[in-house]
Structures are given as structure tokens and as C-alpha cells.
Amino acid sequence: PHPAASWLPVQCERMHPMSLSGSSSSCTASAASKVWEVVGGAEKGGILVRTERETSSLLCSERLGVGALVKELELDSGRLHYELLKGSGPRSGWVSVRLQDKALALPLDGIWEVAG
């Protein structure tokens, strides 16, 4: 089944920064699944992650680390539902891609697809 089909919105599991090395997951060229890189929150250890789309939903105890790569599951009004591919932070959740005039996450030009 597709990973999004089994995603539970309350899941906020920590993934070790190097846990994907050596796994069968990889990124290959394609436009099927957009990959984003976390670029904001350096001064605070990453960006806030919530369990649901609404900014009033439960906050995960950990932040999504700067430099993390995430797979886009859904994008709605500046809120990104993601699955962690590489880096530190919750395995899945919702983040804002911008905060006022500051980018928190940027798409990697639609050239990546998750394979594996």
C-alpha cells in the first residue's frame, strides 16, 4: 500500500538522522513526488511540526531539523503534510512552508521521486 494510506496523523515518532542510510529507500529523478528541504528554523533547532493541518492542532515534541528532506504528501494553503526521507525530526506531520516573509521549506524543483 501507498505510505500515505497507512499514515496516522497522531504519529510523531523520532527518526535518527542516519537511519535511512543503507535502506532500500532512495531518491531518483522524476516529477511524481515532490521533495522539500527544510531551510528555516536554524536559530531554534528546526521548524515546528503539528499532528494535523490546523495550526491549532497538537504540537510534536520535536522540531523538523534544518536540512531535512521530506516527501510531500499534501500541500494546502501553505501547510505541508510530509513524510521524512532524511534528517532529524518526526517521521510525519504538518509544517508551514513560510512564516511571514521567511521560507521554512523549499521544494527541490520537482525533480525527485521516492523509490523503494
PDB file of N, CA and C in Angstrom:
ATOM      1  N   PRO A   1       0.826  -1.198   0.000  1.00  0.00           N
ATOM      2  CA  PRO A   1       0.000   0.000   0.000  1.00  0.00           C
ATOM      3  C   PRO A   1       0.861   1.249   0.000  1.00  0.00           C
ATOM      4  N   HIS A   2       0.290   2.326  -0.489  1.00  0.00           N
ATOM      5  CA  HIS A   2       0.963   3.612  -0.518  1.00  0.00           C
ATOM      6  C   HIS A   2       1.200   4.085   0.905  1.00  0.00           C
ATOM      7  N   PRO A   3       2.384   4.684   1.219  1.00  0.00           N
ATOM      8  CA  PRO A   3       2.678   5.122   2.591  1.00  0.00           C
ATOM      9  C   PRO A   3       1.625   6.048   3.172  1.00  0.00           C
ATOM     10  N   ALA A   4       1.029   6.923   2.347  1.00  0.00           N
ATOM     11  CA  ALA A   4       0.029   7.863   2.875  1.00  0.00           C
ATOM     12  C   ALA A   4      -1.224   7.136   3.333  1.00  0.00           C
ATOM     13  N   ALA A   5      -1.498   5.960   2.757  1.00  0.00           N
ATOM     14  CA  ALA A   5      -2.700   5.223   3.120  1.00  0.00           C
ATOM     15  C   ALA A   5      -2.641   4.729   4.550  1.00  0.00           C
ATOM     16  N   SER A   6      -1.426   4.481   5.070  1.00  0.00           N
ATOM     17  CA  SER A   6      -1.309   3.967   6.425  1.00  0.00           C
ATOM     18  C   SER A   6      -0.858   5.028   7.422  1.00  0.00           C
ATOM     19  N   TRP A   7      -0.763   6.282   7.000  1.00  0.00           N
ATOM     20  CA  TRP A   7      -0.290   7.345   7.870  1.00  0.00           C
ATOM     21  C   TRP A   7      -1.318   7.683   8.917  1.00  0.00           C
ATOM     22  N   LEU A   8      -0.901   7.777  10.156  1.00  0.00           N
ATOM     23  CA  LEU A   8      -1.766   8.191  11.249  1.00  0.00           C
ATOM     24  C   LEU A   8      -1.373   9.603  11.657  1.00  0.00           C
ATOM     25  N   PRO A   9      -2.305  10.548  11.660  1.00  0.00           N
ATOM     26  CA  PRO A   9      -1.948  11.936  11.935  1.00  0.00           C
ATOM     27  C   PRO A   9      -1.365  12.179  13.314  1.00  0.00           C
ATOM     28  N   VAL A  10      -1.557  11.278  14.274  1.00  0.00           N
ATOM     29  CA  VAL A  10      -1.012  11.496  15.609  1.00  0.00           C
ATOM     30  C   VAL A  10       0.392  10.930  15.757  1.00  0.00           C
ATOM     31  N   GLN A  11       0.927  10.339  14.719  1.00  0.00           N
ATOM     32  CA  GLN A  11       2.253   9.741  14.776  1.00  0.00           C
ATOM     33  C   GLN A  11       3.311  10.830  14.776  1.00  0.00           C
ATOM     34  N   CYS A  12       4.128  10.867  15.809  1.00  0.00           N
ATOM     35  CA  CYS A  12       5.228  11.814  15.900  1.00  0.00           C
ATOM     36  C   CYS A  12       6.466  11.064  16.362  1.00  0.00           C
ATOM     37  N   GLU A  13       6.843  10.024  15.646  1.00  0.00           N
ATOM     38  CA  GLU A  13       7.996   9.228  16.023  1.00  0.00           C
ATOM     39  C   GLU A  13       9.275   9.908  15.588  1.00  0.00           C
ATOM     40  N   ARG A  14      10.296   9.767  16.394  1.00  0.00           N
ATOM     41  CA  ARG A  14      11.604  10.331  16.042  1.00  0.00           C
ATOM     42  C   ARG A  14      12.322   9.363  15.107  1.00  0.00           C
ATOM     43  N   MET A  15      12.960   9.942  14.106  1.00  0.00           N
ATOM     44  CA  MET A  15      13.774   9.149  13.205  1.00  0.00           C
ATOM     45  C   MET A  15      15.208   9.628  13.364  1.00  0.00           C
ATOM     46  N   HIS A  16      16.132   8.727  13.595  1.00  0.00           N
ATOM     47  CA  HIS A  16      17.535   9.080  13.734  1.00  0.00           C
ATOM     48  C   HIS A  16      18.039   9.672  12.420  1.00  0.00           C
ATOM     49  N   PRO A  17      18.888  10.699  12.467  1.00  0.00           N
ATOM     50  CA  PRO A  17      19.344  11.357  11.245  1.00  0.00           C
ATOM     51  C   PRO A  17      19.961  10.420  10.216  1.00  0.00           C
ATOM     52  N   MET A  18      20.581   9.360  10.626  1.00  0.00           N
ATOM     53  CA  MET A  18      21.238   8.472   9.678  1.00  0.00           C
ATOM     54  C   MET A  18      20.471   7.163   9.467  1.00  0.00           C
ATOM     55  N   SER A  19      19.249   7.060   9.936  1.00  0.00           N
ATOM     56  CA  SER A  19      18.534   5.788   9.893  1.00  0.00           C
ATOM     57  C   SER A  19      18.176   5.331   8.493  1.00  0.00           C
ATOM     58  N   LEU A  20      18.186   6.227   7.504  1.00  0.00           N
ATOM     59  CA  LEU A  20      17.838   5.805   6.151  1.00  0.00           C
ATOM     60  C   LEU A  20      19.045   5.344   5.355  1.00  0.00           C
ATOM     61  N   SER A  21      20.261   5.570   5.864  1.00  0.00           N
ATOM     62  CA  SER A  21      21.425   5.127   5.119  1.00  0.00           C
ATOM     63  C   SER A  21      21.456   3.611   5.097  1.00  0.00           C
ATOM     64  N   GLY A  22      21.658   3.073   3.923  1.00  0.00           N
ATOM     65  CA  GLY A  22      21.695   1.630   3.783  1.00  0.00           C
ATOM     66  C   GLY A  22      20.330   0.996   3.609  1.00  0.00           C
ATOM     67  N   SER A  23      19.256   1.768   3.688  1.00  0.00           N
ATOM     68  CA  SER A  23      17.925   1.199   3.496  1.00  0.00           C
ATOM     69  C   SER A  23      17.608   1.141   2.011  1.00  0.00           C
ATOM     70  N   SER A  24      16.486   0.534   1.672  1.00  0.00           N
ATOM     71  CA  SER A  24      16.122   0.418   0.267  1.00  0.00           C
ATOM     72  C   SER A  24      15.499   1.697  -0.274  1.00  0.00           C
ATOM     73  N   SER A  25      15.207   2.671   0.588  1.00  0.00           N
ATOM     74  CA  SER A  25      14.638   3.932   0.125  1.00  0.00           C
ATOM     75  C   SER A  25      15.721   4.784  -0.511  1.00  0.00           C
ATOM     76  N   SER A  26      15.383   5.433  -1.603  1.00  0.00           N
ATOM     77  CA  SER A  26      16.322   6.328  -2.265  1.00  0.00           C
ATOM     78  C   SER A  26      15.545   7.367  -3.040  1.00  0.00           C
ATOM     79  N   CYS A  27      16.238   8.347  -3.564  1.00  0.00           N
ATOM     80  CA  CYS A  27      15.599   9.368  -4.376  1.00  0.00           C
ATOM     81  C   CYS A  27      16.122   9.258  -5.791  1.00  0.00           C
ATOM     82  N   THR A  28      15.227   9.273  -6.760  1.00  0.00           N
ATOM     83  CA  THR A  28      15.624   9.192  -8.156  1.00  0.00           C
ATOM     84  C   THR A  28      14.925  10.273  -8.944  1.00  0.00           C
ATOM     85  N   ALA A  29      15.461  10.616 -10.107  1.00  0.00           N
ATOM     86  CA  ALA A  29      14.908  11.698 -10.911  1.00  0.00           C
ATOM     87  C   ALA A  29      13.522  11.356 -11.438  1.00  0.00           C
ATOM     88  N   SER A  30      12.568  12.252 -11.214  1.00  0.00           N
ATOM     89  CA  SER A  30      11.198  12.163 -11.714  1.00  0.00           C
ATOM     90  C   SER A  30      10.420  13.309 -11.105  1.00  0.00           C
ATOM     91  N   ALA A  31       9.221  13.556 -11.624  1.00  0.00           N
ATOM     92  CA  ALA A  31       8.415  14.644 -11.077  1.00  0.00           C
ATOM     93  C   ALA A  31       7.212  14.116 -10.318  1.00  0.00           C
ATOM     94  N   ALA A  32       7.131  12.818 -10.039  1.00  0.00           N
ATOM     95  CA  ALA A  32       5.946  12.221  -9.439  1.00  0.00           C
ATOM     96  C   ALA A  32       5.716  12.666  -7.996  1.00  0.00           C
ATOM     97  N   SER A  33       6.746  12.717  -7.167  1.00  0.00           N
ATOM     98  CA  SER A  33       6.606  13.092  -5.768  1.00  0.00           C
ATOM     99  C   SER A  33       7.553  14.240  -5.464  1.00  0.00           C
ATOM    100  N   LYS A  34       7.019  15.339  -5.004  1.00  0.00           N
ATOM    101  CA  LYS A  34       7.856  16.499  -4.719  1.00  0.00           C
ATOM    102  C   LYS A  34       8.589  16.295  -3.401  1.00  0.00           C
ATOM    103  N   VAL A  35       9.863  16.649  -3.396  1.00  0.00           N
ATOM    104  CA  VAL A  35      10.686  16.594  -2.199  1.00  0.00           C
ATOM    105  C   VAL A  35      11.009  18.024  -1.785  1.00  0.00           C
ATOM    106  N   TRP A  36      10.931  18.280  -0.490  1.00  0.00           N
ATOM    107  CA  TRP A  36      11.195  19.597   0.067  1.00  0.00           C
ATOM    108  C   TRP A  36      12.395  19.511   0.995  1.00  0.00           C
ATOM    109  N   GLU A  37      13.123  20.628   1.108  1.00  0.00           N
ATOM    110  CA  GLU A  37      14.224  20.731   2.057  1.00  0.00           C
ATOM    111  C   GLU A  37      13.877  21.785   3.101  1.00  0.00           C
ATOM    112  N   VAL A  38      14.095  21.449   4.358  1.00  0.00           N
ATOM    113  CA  VAL A  38      13.857  22.398   5.446  1.00  0.00           C
ATOM    114  C   VAL A  38      15.024  23.383   5.475  1.00  0.00           C
ATOM    115  N   VAL A  39      14.703  24.671   5.352  1.00  0.00           N
ATOM    116  CA  VAL A  39      15.733  25.710   5.309  1.00  0.00           C
ATOM    117  C   VAL A  39      15.592  26.719   6.446  1.00  0.00           C
ATOM    118  N   GLY A  40      14.506  26.684   7.166  1.00  0.00           N
ATOM    119  CA  GLY A  40      14.272  27.650   8.235  1.00  0.00           C
ATOM    120  C   GLY A  40      14.427  27.047   9.610  1.00  0.00           C
ATOM    121  N   GLY A  41      14.420  27.897  10.603  1.00  0.00           N
ATOM    122  CA  GLY A  41      14.445  27.455  11.988  1.00  0.00           C
ATOM    123  C   GLY A  41      15.810  27.144  12.544  1.00  0.00           C
ATOM    124  N   ALA A  42      16.876  27.550  11.863  1.00  0.00           N
ATOM    125  CA  ALA A  42      18.232  27.235  12.324  1.00  0.00           C
ATOM    126  C   ALA A  42      18.487  27.749  13.742  1.00  0.00           C
ATOM    127  N   GLU A  43      17.974  28.942  14.040  1.00  0.00           N
ATOM    128  CA  GLU A  43      18.212  29.537  15.356  1.00  0.00           C
ATOM    129  C   GLU A  43      17.439  28.840  16.477  1.00  0.00           C
ATOM    130  N   LYS A  44      16.464  28.006  16.103  1.00  0.00           N
ATOM    131  CA  LYS A  44      15.651  27.321  17.122  1.00  0.00           C
ATOM    132  C   LYS A  44      15.756  25.802  17.042  1.00  0.00           C
ATOM    133  N   GLY A  45      16.657  25.295  16.199  1.00  0.00           N
ATOM    134  CA  GLY A  45      16.834  23.851  16.100  1.00  0.00           C
ATOM    135  C   GLY A  45      15.879  23.176  15.137  1.00  0.00           C
ATOM    136  N   GLY A  46      15.285  23.932  14.237  1.00  0.00           N
ATOM    137  CA  GLY A  46      14.366  23.363  13.255  1.00  0.00           C
ATOM    138  C   GLY A  46      13.023  24.066  13.269  1.00  0.00           C
ATOM    139  N   ILE A  47      12.073  23.498  12.526  1.00  0.00           N
ATOM    140  CA  ILE A  47      10.746  24.116  12.435  1.00  0.00           C
ATOM    141  C   ILE A  47       9.705  23.277  13.176  1.00  0.00           C
ATOM    142  N   LEU A  48       8.671  23.957  13.633  1.00  0.00           N
ATOM    143  CA  LEU A  48       7.599  23.303  14.386  1.00  0.00           C
ATOM    144  C   LEU A  48       6.836  22.308  13.512  1.00  0.00           C
ATOM    145  N   VAL A  49       6.461  21.190  14.122  1.00  0.00           N
ATOM    146  CA  VAL A  49       5.669  20.158  13.449  1.00  0.00           C
ATOM    147  C   VAL A  49       4.394  19.949  14.252  1.00  0.00           C
ATOM    148  N   ARG A  50       3.281  19.909  13.546  1.00  0.00           N
ATOM    149  CA  ARG A  50       1.984  19.656  14.187  1.00  0.00           C
ATOM    150  C   ARG A  50       1.406  18.352  13.673  1.00  0.00           C
ATOM    151  N   THR A  51       0.466  17.793  14.446  1.00  0.00           N
ATOM    152  CA  THR A  51      -0.106  16.494  14.113  1.00  0.00           C
ATOM    153  C   THR A  51      -1.163  16.562  13.025  1.00  0.00           C
ATOM    154  N   GLU A  52      -1.740  17.750  12.815  1.00  0.00           N
ATOM    155  CA  GLU A  52      -2.779  17.921  11.800  1.00  0.00           C
ATOM    156  C   GLU A  52      -2.560  19.237  11.054  1.00  0.00           C
ATOM    157  N   ARG A  53      -3.319  19.454  10.010  1.00  0.00           N
ATOM    158  CA  ARG A  53      -3.185  20.632   9.149  1.00  0.00           C
ATOM    159  C   ARG A  53      -3.339  21.938   9.924  1.00  0.00           C
ATOM    160  N   GLU A  54      -4.302  22.004  10.815  1.00  0.00           N
ATOM    161  CA  GLU A  54      -4.603  23.254  11.523  1.00  0.00           C
ATOM    162  C   GLU A  54      -3.447  23.660  12.429  1.00  0.00           C
ATOM    163  N   THR A  55      -3.151  24.961  12.437  1.00  0.00           N
ATOM    164  CA  THR A  55      -2.067  25.458  13.277  1.00  0.00           C
ATOM    165  C   THR A  55      -2.417  25.419  14.765  1.00  0.00           C
ATOM    166  N   SER A  56      -3.646  25.090  15.073  1.00  0.00           N
ATOM    167  CA  SER A  56      -4.055  24.945  16.476  1.00  0.00           C
ATOM    168  C   SER A  56      -3.989  23.489  16.934  1.00  0.00           C
ATOM    169  N   SER A  57      -3.599  22.571  16.043  1.00  0.00           N
ATOM    170  CA  SER A  57      -3.530  21.150  16.412  1.00  0.00           C
ATOM    171  C   SER A  57      -2.338  20.894  17.337  1.00  0.00           C
ATOM    172  N   LEU A  58      -2.268  19.675  17.850  1.00  0.00           N
ATOM    173  CA  LEU A  58      -1.206  19.307  18.786  1.00  0.00           C
ATOM    174  C   LEU A  58       0.170  19.510  18.161  1.00  0.00           C
ATOM    175  N   LEU A  59       1.084  19.996  18.980  1.00  0.00           N
ATOM    176  CA  LEU A  59       2.453  20.244  18.573  1.00  0.00           C
ATOM    177  C   LEU A  59       3.296  19.021  18.906  1.00  0.00           C
ATOM    178  N   CYS A  60       4.106  18.556  17.971  1.00  0.00           N
ATOM    179  CA  CYS A  60       5.022  17.449  18.247  1.00  0.00           C
ATOM    180  C   CYS A  60       6.123  17.951  19.172  1.00  0.00           C
ATOM    181  N   SER A  61       6.676  17.060  19.970  1.00  0.00           N
ATOM    182  CA  SER A  61       7.691  17.460  20.946  1.00  0.00           C
ATOM    183  C   SER A  61       9.023  17.802  20.293  1.00  0.00           C
ATOM    184  N   GLU A  62       9.253  17.343  19.062  1.00  0.00           N
ATOM    185  CA  GLU A  62      10.496  17.626  18.363  1.00  0.00           C
ATOM    186  C   GLU A  62      10.245  18.486  17.135  1.00  0.00           C
ATOM    187  N   ARG A  63      11.263  19.187  16.723  1.00  0.00           N
ATOM    188  CA  ARG A  63      11.200  20.001  15.518  1.00  0.00           C
ATOM    189  C   ARG A  63      11.785  19.219  14.346  1.00  0.00           C
ATOM    190  N   LEU A  64      11.411  19.630  13.153  1.00  0.00           N
ATOM    191  CA  LEU A  64      11.967  19.067  11.932  1.00  0.00           C
ATOM    192  C   LEU A  64      13.265  19.817  11.655  1.00  0.00           C
ATOM    193  N   GLY A  65      14.384  19.096  11.629  1.00  0.00           N
ATOM    194  CA  GLY A  65      15.704  19.701  11.569  1.00  0.00           C
ATOM    195  C   GLY A  65      16.033  20.398  10.261  1.00  0.00           C
ATOM    196  N   VAL A  66      16.840  21.442  10.351  1.00  0.00           N
ATOM    197  CA  VAL A  66      17.320  22.162   9.171  1.00  0.00           C
ATOM    198  C   VAL A  66      18.102  21.179   8.300  1.00  0.00           C
ATOM    199  N   GLY A  67      17.835  21.204   7.004  1.00  0.00           N
ATOM    200  CA  GLY A  67      18.487  20.297   6.067  1.00  0.00           C
ATOM    201  C   GLY A  67      17.735  19.005   5.839  1.00  0.00           C
ATOM    202  N   ALA A  68      16.692  18.751   6.630  1.00  0.00           N
ATOM    203  CA  ALA A  68      15.906  17.532   6.450  1.00  0.00           C
ATOM    204  C   ALA A  68      15.253  17.538   5.070  1.00  0.00           C
ATOM    205  N   LEU A  69      15.131  16.371   4.472  1.00  0.00           N
ATOM    206  CA  LEU A  69      14.418  16.205   3.213  1.00  0.00           C
ATOM    207  C   LEU A  69      13.127  15.466   3.500  1.00  0.00           C
ATOM    208  N   VAL A  70      12.021  16.004   2.985  1.00  0.00           N
ATOM    209  CA  VAL A  70      10.717  15.403   3.237  1.00  0.00           C
ATOM    210  C   VAL A  70       9.958  15.214   1.933  1.00  0.00           C
ATOM    211  N   LYS A  71       9.151  14.179   1.902  1.00  0.00           N
ATOM    212  CA  LYS A  71       8.288  13.897   0.758  1.00  0.00           C
ATOM    213  C   LYS A  71       6.945  14.582   0.977  1.00  0.00           C
ATOM    214  N   GLU A  72       6.478  15.309  -0.017  1.00  0.00           N
ATOM    215  CA  GLU A  72       5.176  15.970   0.054  1.00  0.00           C
ATOM    216  C   GLU A  72       4.064  14.942  -0.099  1.00  0.00           C
ATOM    217  N   LEU A  73       3.192  14.879   0.899  1.00  0.00           N
ATOM    218  CA  LEU A  73       2.001  14.049   0.809  1.00  0.00           C
ATOM    219  C   LEU A  73       0.802  14.894   0.414  1.00  0.00           C
ATOM    220  N   GLU A  74       0.802  16.158   0.875  1.00  0.00           N
ATOM    221  CA  GLU A  74      -0.274  17.102   0.573  1.00  0.00           C
ATOM    222  C   GLU A  74       0.233  18.507   0.852  1.00  0.00           C
ATOM    223  N   LEU A  75      -0.217  19.468   0.060  1.00  0.00           N
ATOM    224  CA  LEU A  75       0.106  20.872   0.290  1.00  0.00           C
ATOM    225  C   LEU A  75      -1.199  21.644   0.247  1.00  0.00           C
ATOM    226  N   ASP A  76      -1.517  22.356   1.345  1.00  0.00           N
ATOM    227  CA  ASP A  76      -2.783  23.056   1.445  1.00  0.00           C
ATOM    228  C   ASP A  76      -2.578  24.399   2.140  1.00  0.00           C
ATOM    229  N   SER A  77      -2.777  25.472   1.399  1.00  0.00           N
ATOM    230  CA  SER A  77      -2.694  26.830   1.952  1.00  0.00           C
ATOM    231  C   SER A  77      -1.410  27.066   2.743  1.00  0.00           C
ATOM    232  N   GLY A  78      -0.284  26.678   2.167  1.00  0.00           N
ATOM    233  CA  GLY A  78       0.995  26.905   2.823  1.00  0.00           C
ATOM    234  C   GLY A  78       1.339  25.907   3.905  1.00  0.00           C
ATOM    235  N   ARG A  79       0.513  24.898   4.094  1.00  0.00           N
ATOM    236  CA  ARG A  79       0.765  23.845   5.090  1.00  0.00           C
ATOM    237  C   ARG A  79       1.138  22.562   4.343  1.00  0.00           C
ATOM    238  N   LEU A  80       2.264  21.988   4.721  1.00  0.00           N
ATOM    239  CA  LEU A  80       2.806  20.806   4.060  1.00  0.00           C
ATOM    240  C   LEU A  80       2.660  19.575   4.940  1.00  0.00           C
ATOM    241  N   HIS A  81       1.949  18.581   4.435  1.00  0.00           N
ATOM    242  CA  HIS A  81       1.859  17.272   5.084  1.00  0.00           C
ATOM    243  C   HIS A  81       3.010  16.466   4.501  1.00  0.00           C
ATOM    244  N   TYR A  82       3.901  15.984   5.343  1.00  0.00           N
ATOM    245  CA  TYR A  82       5.131  15.374   4.854  1.00  0.00           C
ATOM    246  C   TYR A  82       5.392  14.000   5.454  1.00  0.00           C
ATOM    247  N   GLU A  83       6.336  13.315   4.815  1.00  0.00           N
ATOM    248  CA  GLU A  83       6.922  12.083   5.340  1.00  0.00           C
ATOM    249  C   GLU A  83       8.435  12.287   5.290  1.00  0.00           C
ATOM    250  N   LEU A  84       9.119  12.052   6.403  1.00  0.00           N
ATOM    251  CA  LEU A  84      10.558  12.279   6.487  1.00  0.00           C
ATOM    252  C   LEU A  84      11.325  11.275   5.630  1.00  0.00           C
ATOM    253  N   LEU A  85      12.228  11.791   4.808  1.00  0.00           N
ATOM    254  CA  LEU A  85      13.092  10.944   3.990  1.00  0.00           C
ATOM    255  C   LEU A  85      14.497  10.877   4.576  1.00  0.00           C
ATOM    256  N   LYS A  86      15.012  12.033   5.006  1.00  0.00           N
ATOM    257  CA  LYS A  86      16.372  12.109   5.515  1.00  0.00           C
ATOM    258  C   LYS A  86      16.471  13.288   6.463  1.00  0.00           C
ATOM    259  N   GLY A  87      17.176  13.092   7.555  1.00  0.00           N
ATOM    260  CA  GLY A  87      17.355  14.163   8.519  1.00  0.00           C
ATOM    261  C   GLY A  87      16.716  13.818   9.848  1.00  0.00           C
ATOM    262  N   SER A  88      16.605  14.809  10.712  1.00  0.00           N
ATOM    263  CA  SER A  88      16.073  14.562  12.051  1.00  0.00           C
ATOM    264  C   SER A  88      14.697  15.191  12.224  1.00  0.00           C
ATOM    265  N   GLY A  89      13.914  14.571  13.103  1.00  0.00           N
ATOM    266  CA  GLY A  89      12.587  15.087  13.412  1.00  0.00           C
ATOM    267  C   GLY A  89      11.528  14.017  13.319  1.00  0.00           C
ATOM    268  N   PRO A  90      10.279  14.418  13.536  1.00  0.00           N
ATOM    269  CA  PRO A  90       9.172  13.457  13.461  1.00  0.00           C
ATOM    270  C   PRO A  90       9.081  12.813  12.075  1.00  0.00           C
ATOM    271  N   ARG A  91       8.710  11.561  12.036  1.00  0.00           N
ATOM    272  CA  ARG A  91       8.582  10.794  10.795  1.00  0.00           C
ATOM    273  C   ARG A  91       7.570  11.398   9.828  1.00  0.00           C
ATOM    274  N   SER A  92       6.525  11.991  10.379  1.00  0.00           N
ATOM    275  CA  SER A  92       5.497  12.609   9.548  1.00  0.00           C
ATOM    276  C   SER A  92       4.795  13.677  10.354  1.00  0.00           C
ATOM    277  N   GLY A  93       4.101  14.572   9.658  1.00  0.00           N
ATOM    278  CA  GLY A  93       3.375  15.635  10.322  1.00  0.00           C
ATOM    279  C   GLY A  93       3.058  16.756   9.353  1.00  0.00           C
ATOM    280  N   TRP A  94       2.713  17.905   9.900  1.00  0.00           N
ATOM    281  CA  TRP A  94       2.349  19.094   9.126  1.00  0.00           C
ATOM    282  C   TRP A  94       3.248  20.244   9.539  1.00  0.00           C
ATOM    283  N   VAL A  95       3.777  20.974   8.550  1.00  0.00           N
ATOM    284  CA  VAL A  95       4.603  22.151   8.811  1.00  0.00           C
ATOM    285  C   VAL A  95       4.145  23.297   7.917  1.00  0.00           C
ATOM    286  N   SER A  96       4.478  24.505   8.309  1.00  0.00           N
ATOM    287  CA  SER A  96       4.266  25.672   7.456  1.00  0.00           C
ATOM    288  C   SER A  96       5.491  25.805   6.572  1.00  0.00           C
ATOM    289  N   VAL A  97       5.292  26.125   5.286  1.00  0.00           N
ATOM    290  CA  VAL A  97       6.431  26.291   4.385  1.00  0.00           C
ATOM    291  C   VAL A  97       6.981  27.718   4.411  1.00  0.00           C
ATOM    292  N   ARG A  98       6.190  28.652   4.966  1.00  0.00           N
ATOM    293  CA  ARG A  98       6.618  30.047   5.112  1.00  0.00           C
ATOM    294  C   ARG A  98       6.117  30.582   6.451  1.00  0.00           C
ATOM    295  N   LEU A  99       6.862  31.533   6.984  1.00  0.00           N
ATOM    296  CA  LEU A  99       6.423  32.254   8.171  1.00  0.00           C
ATOM    297  C   LEU A  99       6.648  33.717   7.858  1.00  0.00           C
ATOM    298  N   GLN A 100       5.558  34.442   7.650  1.00  0.00           N
ATOM    299  CA  GLN A 100       5.592  35.829   7.192  1.00  0.00           C
ATOM    300  C   GLN A 100       6.415  35.909   5.901  1.00  0.00           C
ATOM    301  N   ASP A 101       7.556  36.581   5.914  1.00  0.00           N
ATOM    302  CA  ASP A 101       8.351  36.728   4.691  1.00  0.00           C
ATOM    303  C   ASP A 101       9.528  35.753   4.629  1.00  0.00           C
ATOM    304  N   LYS A 102       9.535  34.754   5.498  1.00  0.00           N
ATOM    305  CA  LYS A 102      10.667  33.843   5.607  1.00  0.00           C
ATOM    306  C   LYS A 102      10.300  32.431   5.142  1.00  0.00           C
ATOM    307  N   ALA A 103      11.099  31.857   4.234  1.00  0.00           N
ATOM    308  CA  ALA A 103      10.887  30.480   3.784  1.00  0.00           C
ATOM    309  C   ALA A 103      11.347  29.519   4.874  1.00  0.00           C
ATOM    310  N   LEU A 104      10.501  28.533   5.194  1.00  0.00           N
ATOM    311  CA  LEU A 104      10.857  27.500   6.161  1.00  0.00           C
ATOM    312  C   LEU A 104      11.231  26.192   5.458  1.00  0.00           C
ATOM    313  N   ALA A 105      10.618  25.960   4.294  1.00  0.00           N
ATOM    314  CA  ALA A 105      10.916  24.772   3.486  1.00  0.00           C
ATOM    315  C   ALA A 105      10.787  25.157   2.023  1.00  0.00           C
ATOM    316  N   LEU A 106      11.680  24.606   1.206  1.00  0.00           N
ATOM    317  CA  LEU A 106      11.678  24.909  -0.225  1.00  0.00           C
ATOM    318  C   LEU A 106      11.608  23.623  -1.036  1.00  0.00           C
ATOM    319  N   PRO A 107      10.820  23.628  -2.118  1.00  0.00           N
ATOM    320  CA  PRO A 107      10.759  22.438  -2.973  1.00  0.00           C
ATOM    321  C   PRO A 107      12.055  22.290  -3.760  1.00  0.00           C
ATOM    322  N   LEU A 108      12.444  21.065  -4.025  1.00  0.00           N
ATOM    323  CA  LEU A 108      13.657  20.804  -4.795  1.00  0.00           C
ATOM    324  C   LEU A 108      13.310  20.661  -6.267  1.00  0.00           C
ATOM    325  N   ASP A 109      12.618  21.643  -6.812  1.00  0.00           N
ATOM    326  CA  ASP A 109      12.319  21.773  -8.234  1.00  0.00           C
ATOM    327  C   ASP A 109      11.586  20.609  -8.865  1.00  0.00           C
ATOM    328  N   GLY A 110      10.913  19.778  -8.102  1.00  0.00           N
ATOM    329  CA  GLY A 110      10.102  18.688  -8.661  1.00  0.00           C
ATOM    330  C   GLY A 110      10.891  17.651  -9.422  1.00  0.00           C
ATOM    331  N   ILE A 111      12.184  17.491  -9.124  1.00  0.00           N
ATOM    332  CA  ILE A 111      12.994  16.543  -9.875  1.00  0.00           C
ATOM    333  C   ILE A 111      13.215  15.233  -9.138  1.00  0.00           C
ATOM    334  N   TRP A 112      12.559  15.060  -8.008  1.00  0.00           N
ATOM    335  CA  TRP A 112      12.795  13.864  -7.205  1.00  0.00           C
ATOM    336  C   TRP A 112      11.535  13.025  -7.080  1.00  0.00           C
ATOM    337  N   GLU A 113      11.732  11.746  -7.015  1.00  0.00           N
ATOM    338  CA  GLU A 113      10.656  10.811  -6.721  1.00  0.00           C
ATOM    339  C   GLU A 113      11.187   9.822  -5.717  1.00  0.00           C
ATOM    340  N   VAL A 114      10.395   9.473  -4.734  1.00  0.00           N
ATOM    341  CA  VAL A 114      10.805   8.473  -3.765  1.00  0.00           C
ATOM    342  C   VAL A 114      10.653   7.111  -4.401  1.00  0.00           C
ATOM    343  N   ALA A 115      11.709   6.335  -4.354  1.00  0.00           N
ATOM    344  CA  ALA A 115      11.673   4.979  -4.907  1.00  0.00           C
ATOM    345  C   ALA A 115      12.065   4.006  -3.810  1.00  0.00           C
ATOM    346  N   GLY A 116      11.487   2.812  -3.858  1.00  0.00           N
ATOM    347  CA  GLY A 116      11.902   1.806  -2.876  1.00  0.00           C
ATOM    348  C   GLY A 116      10.789   1.267  -2.082  1.00  0.00           C
TER     349      GLY A 116
END
